[in-house]
Amino acid sequence: MEKLTAKEEEVMQVLWKLEQAYVKDMVPQFTDPPLHYNTVSTIVRNLEEKGYVGHRAYGNTHEYYPIITKEAYQNRFVLKRVVTDYFDNSYKNLVSYFAQNEKISADELREILAMIEKKK
């Protein structure tokens, strides 16, 4: 699995949201900036070549669906990059940041601790 470009990530976000879609169904999802049908089609085919997307053919029409889950991609690239680049490769620093900036409550931290304890 390789890291996607920003536009490829945008298209994957739409496909993860829709779960399965034709290119014509994806195009209206891109409003800022709008993307042309051919652009979306090209990106989806590139994603298919990279192994992120599959399709079902109905004659000349293709319905696309994600092969890689959003969670798998986040775990591999998004979260890892954020933790490495901004938190000295420390998940503790990440959680501390949210606690110090009041982005997470004590109750939420207790819930996280309970989840961790449950996994042991």
C-alpha atoms as a PDB file:
ATOM      1  CA  MET A   1       0.000   0.000   0.000  1.00  0.00           C
ATOM      2  CA  GLU A   2       1.442   3.352  -1.017  1.00  0.00           C
ATOM      3  CA  LYS A   3       0.654   6.871   0.199  1.00  0.00           C
ATOM      4  CA  LEU A   4      -1.936   8.638  -1.924  1.00  0.00           C
ATOM      5  CA  THR A   5      -1.796  12.121  -3.396  1.00  0.00           C
ATOM      6  CA  ALA A   6      -4.084  14.785  -1.921  1.00  0.00           C
ATOM      7  CA  LYS A   7      -6.562  14.433  -4.823  1.00  0.00           C
ATOM      8  CA  GLU A   8      -6.534  10.642  -4.554  1.00  0.00           C
ATOM      9  CA  GLU A   9      -7.284  10.968  -0.827  1.00  0.00           C
ATOM     10  CA  GLU A  10     -10.183  13.302  -1.661  1.00  0.00           C
ATOM     11  CA  VAL A  11     -11.660  10.759  -4.064  1.00  0.00           C
ATOM     12  CA  MET A  12     -11.189   7.960  -1.529  1.00  0.00           C
ATOM     13  CA  GLN A  13     -12.972  10.048   1.137  1.00  0.00           C
ATOM     14  CA  VAL A  14     -15.969  10.309  -1.191  1.00  0.00           C
ATOM     15  CA  LEU A  15     -15.886   6.603  -2.033  1.00  0.00           C
ATOM     16  CA  TRP A  16     -15.584   5.629   1.647  1.00  0.00           C
ATOM     17  CA  LYS A  17     -18.596   7.846   2.367  1.00  0.00           C
ATOM     18  CA  LEU A  18     -20.705   6.480  -0.499  1.00  0.00           C
ATOM     19  CA  GLU A  19     -19.401   2.879  -0.075  1.00  0.00           C
ATOM     20  CA  GLN A  20     -19.939   2.193  -3.782  1.00  0.00           C
ATOM     21  CA  ALA A  21     -20.570   4.587  -6.640  1.00  0.00           C
ATOM     22  CA  TYR A  22     -20.361   5.341 -10.312  1.00  0.00           C
ATOM     23  CA  VAL A  23     -18.114   8.230 -11.340  1.00  0.00           C
ATOM     24  CA  LYS A  24     -21.252  10.265 -12.165  1.00  0.00           C
ATOM     25  CA  ASP A  25     -22.338   9.853  -8.516  1.00  0.00           C
ATOM     26  CA  MET A  26     -18.952  10.999  -7.202  1.00  0.00           C
ATOM     27  CA  VAL A  27     -18.560  14.149  -9.321  1.00  0.00           C
ATOM     28  CA  PRO A  28     -21.231  16.238  -7.468  1.00  0.00           C
ATOM     29  CA  GLN A  29     -19.413  15.556  -4.174  1.00  0.00           C
ATOM     30  CA  PHE A  30     -16.509  17.763  -5.282  1.00  0.00           C
ATOM     31  CA  THR A  31     -17.585  21.388  -4.933  1.00  0.00           C
ATOM     32  CA  ASP A  32     -14.523  23.280  -3.703  1.00  0.00           C
ATOM     33  CA  PRO A  33     -13.025  23.155  -6.220  1.00  0.00           C
ATOM     34  CA  PRO A  34     -15.332  21.208  -8.535  1.00  0.00           C
ATOM     35  CA  LEU A  35     -13.740  18.316 -10.397  1.00  0.00           C
ATOM     36  CA  HIS A  36     -14.568  17.375 -13.976  1.00  0.00           C
ATOM     37  CA  TYR A  37     -15.973  13.914 -14.745  1.00  0.00           C
ATOM     38  CA  ASN A  38     -12.821  12.925 -16.676  1.00  0.00           C
ATOM     39  CA  THR A  39     -10.579  13.993 -13.788  1.00  0.00           C
ATOM     40  CA  VAL A  40     -12.508  11.880 -11.276  1.00  0.00           C
ATOM     41  CA  SER A  41     -12.567   8.961 -13.704  1.00  0.00           C
ATOM     42  CA  THR A  42      -8.791   9.133 -14.203  1.00  0.00           C
ATOM     43  CA  ILE A  43      -8.135   9.335 -10.455  1.00  0.00           C
ATOM     44  CA  VAL A  44     -10.436   6.371  -9.753  1.00  0.00           C
ATOM     45  CA  ARG A  45      -8.669   4.265 -12.404  1.00  0.00           C
ATOM     46  CA  ASN A  46      -5.310   5.200 -10.846  1.00  0.00           C
ATOM     47  CA  LEU A  47      -6.645   4.168  -7.439  1.00  0.00           C
ATOM     48  CA  GLU A  48      -7.738   0.875  -8.950  1.00  0.00           C
ATOM     49  CA  GLU A  49      -4.237   0.298 -10.361  1.00  0.00           C
ATOM     50  CA  LYS A  50      -2.797   1.005  -6.909  1.00  0.00           C
ATOM     51  CA  GLY A  51      -5.128  -1.578  -5.342  1.00  0.00           C
ATOM     52  CA  TYR A  52      -7.313   0.809  -3.362  1.00  0.00           C
ATOM     53  CA  VAL A  53     -10.459   0.475  -5.470  1.00  0.00           C
ATOM     54  CA  GLY A  54     -12.266  -2.345  -7.228  1.00  0.00           C
ATOM     55  CA  HIS A  55     -15.152  -2.262  -9.685  1.00  0.00           C
ATOM     56  CA  ARG A  56     -18.144  -4.181 -10.949  1.00  0.00           C
ATOM     57  CA  ALA A  57     -18.756  -3.848 -14.675  1.00  0.00           C
ATOM     58  CA  TYR A  58     -22.267  -3.409 -16.058  1.00  0.00           C
ATOM     59  CA  GLY A  59     -21.676  -3.254 -19.788  1.00  0.00           C
ATOM     60  CA  ASN A  60     -19.552  -0.159 -20.388  1.00  0.00           C
ATOM     61  CA  THR A  61     -20.347   1.258 -16.944  1.00  0.00           C
ATOM     62  CA  HIS A  62     -18.301   0.625 -13.825  1.00  0.00           C
ATOM     63  CA  GLU A  63     -19.448   0.802 -10.241  1.00  0.00           C
ATOM     64  CA  TYR A  64     -16.464   1.413  -7.954  1.00  0.00           C
ATOM     65  CA  TYR A  65     -15.984   0.392  -4.343  1.00  0.00           C
ATOM     66  CA  PRO A  66     -13.118   0.761  -1.847  1.00  0.00           C
ATOM     67  CA  ILE A  67     -10.907  -2.272  -1.237  1.00  0.00           C
ATOM     68  CA  ILE A  68      -8.839  -0.596   1.467  1.00  0.00           C
ATOM     69  CA  THR A  69     -10.820   0.572   4.484  1.00  0.00           C
ATOM     70  CA  LYS A  70     -10.590   4.121   5.729  1.00  0.00           C
ATOM     71  CA  GLU A  71      -9.318   2.820   9.068  1.00  0.00           C
ATOM     72  CA  ALA A  72      -6.526   0.810   7.449  1.00  0.00           C
ATOM     73  CA  TYR A  73      -5.388   3.853   5.477  1.00  0.00           C
ATOM     74  CA  GLN A  74      -5.578   6.144   8.512  1.00  0.00           C
ATOM     75  CA  ASN A  75      -3.564   3.731  10.625  1.00  0.00           C
ATOM     76  CA  ARG A  76      -0.914   3.294   7.983  1.00  0.00           C
ATOM     77  CA  PHE A  77      -0.452   6.866   6.776  1.00  0.00           C
ATOM     78  CA  VAL A  78      -2.490   9.593   8.427  1.00  0.00           C
ATOM     79  CA  LEU A  79      -2.125   8.932  12.127  1.00  0.00           C
ATOM     80  CA  LYS A  80       1.434   7.659  11.791  1.00  0.00           C
ATOM     81  CA  ARG A  81       2.466  10.811   9.894  1.00  0.00           C
ATOM     82  CA  VAL A  82       0.847  13.135  12.440  1.00  0.00           C
ATOM     83  CA  VAL A  83       2.391  11.342  15.406  1.00  0.00           C
ATOM     84  CA  THR A  84       5.815  11.199  13.746  1.00  0.00           C
ATOM     85  CA  ASP A  85       5.870  14.731  12.348  1.00  0.00           C
ATOM     86  CA  TYR A  86       4.203  16.649  15.177  1.00  0.00           C
ATOM     87  CA  PHE A  87       4.479  14.602  18.373  1.00  0.00           C
ATOM     88  CA  ASP A  88       8.030  13.187  18.315  1.00  0.00           C
ATOM     89  CA  ASN A  89       6.692   9.741  17.409  1.00  0.00           C
ATOM     90  CA  SER A  90       4.877   9.546  20.766  1.00  0.00           C
ATOM     91  CA  TYR A  91       1.190   8.745  21.182  1.00  0.00           C
ATOM     92  CA  LYS A  92       1.556   9.938  24.779  1.00  0.00           C
ATOM     93  CA  ASN A  93       2.527  13.386  23.478  1.00  0.00           C
ATOM     94  CA  LEU A  94      -0.485  13.309  21.170  1.00  0.00           C
ATOM     95  CA  VAL A  95      -2.934  12.581  23.993  1.00  0.00           C
ATOM     96  CA  SER A  96      -1.175  15.104  26.254  1.00  0.00           C
ATOM     97  CA  TYR A  97      -1.607  17.765  23.594  1.00  0.00           C
ATOM     98  CA  PHE A  98      -5.374  17.224  23.522  1.00  0.00           C
ATOM     99  CA  ALA A  99      -5.586  17.180  27.320  1.00  0.00           C
ATOM    100  CA  GLN A 100      -3.514  20.366  27.719  1.00  0.00           C
ATOM    101  CA  ASN A 101      -5.528  22.210  25.099  1.00  0.00           C
ATOM    102  CA  GLU A 102      -8.825  21.076  26.603  1.00  0.00           C
ATOM    103  CA  LYS A 103      -9.803  19.164  23.460  1.00  0.00           C
ATOM    104  CA  ILE A 104     -10.511  16.041  25.498  1.00  0.00           C
ATOM    105  CA  SER A 105     -12.306  15.761  28.828  1.00  0.00           C
ATOM    106  CA  ALA A 106     -11.319  13.752  31.872  1.00  0.00           C
ATOM    107  CA  ASP A 107     -14.334  11.493  31.247  1.00  0.00           C
ATOM    108  CA  GLU A 108     -13.147  10.817  27.694  1.00  0.00           C
ATOM    109  CA  LEU A 109      -9.665  10.012  28.982  1.00  0.00           C
ATOM    110  CA  ARG A 110     -11.191   7.574  31.472  1.00  0.00           C
ATOM    111  CA  GLU A 111     -13.093   5.927  28.602  1.00  0.00           C
ATOM    112  CA  ILE A 112      -9.846   5.568  26.671  1.00  0.00           C
ATOM    113  CA  LEU A 113      -8.123   4.056  29.706  1.00  0.00           C
ATOM    114  CA  ALA A 114     -11.003   1.621  30.137  1.00  0.00           C
ATOM    115  CA  MET A 115     -10.637   0.555  26.475  1.00  0.00           C
ATOM    116  CA  ILE A 116      -6.908   0.022  26.990  1.00  0.00           C
ATOM    117  CA  GLU A 117      -7.447  -1.988  30.151  1.00  0.00           C
ATOM    118  CA  LYS A 118     -10.114  -4.094  28.438  1.00  0.00           C
ATOM    119  CA  LYS A 119      -7.651  -5.057  25.684  1.00  0.00           C
ATOM    120  CA  LYS A 120      -5.069  -6.396  28.164  1.00  0.00           C
END
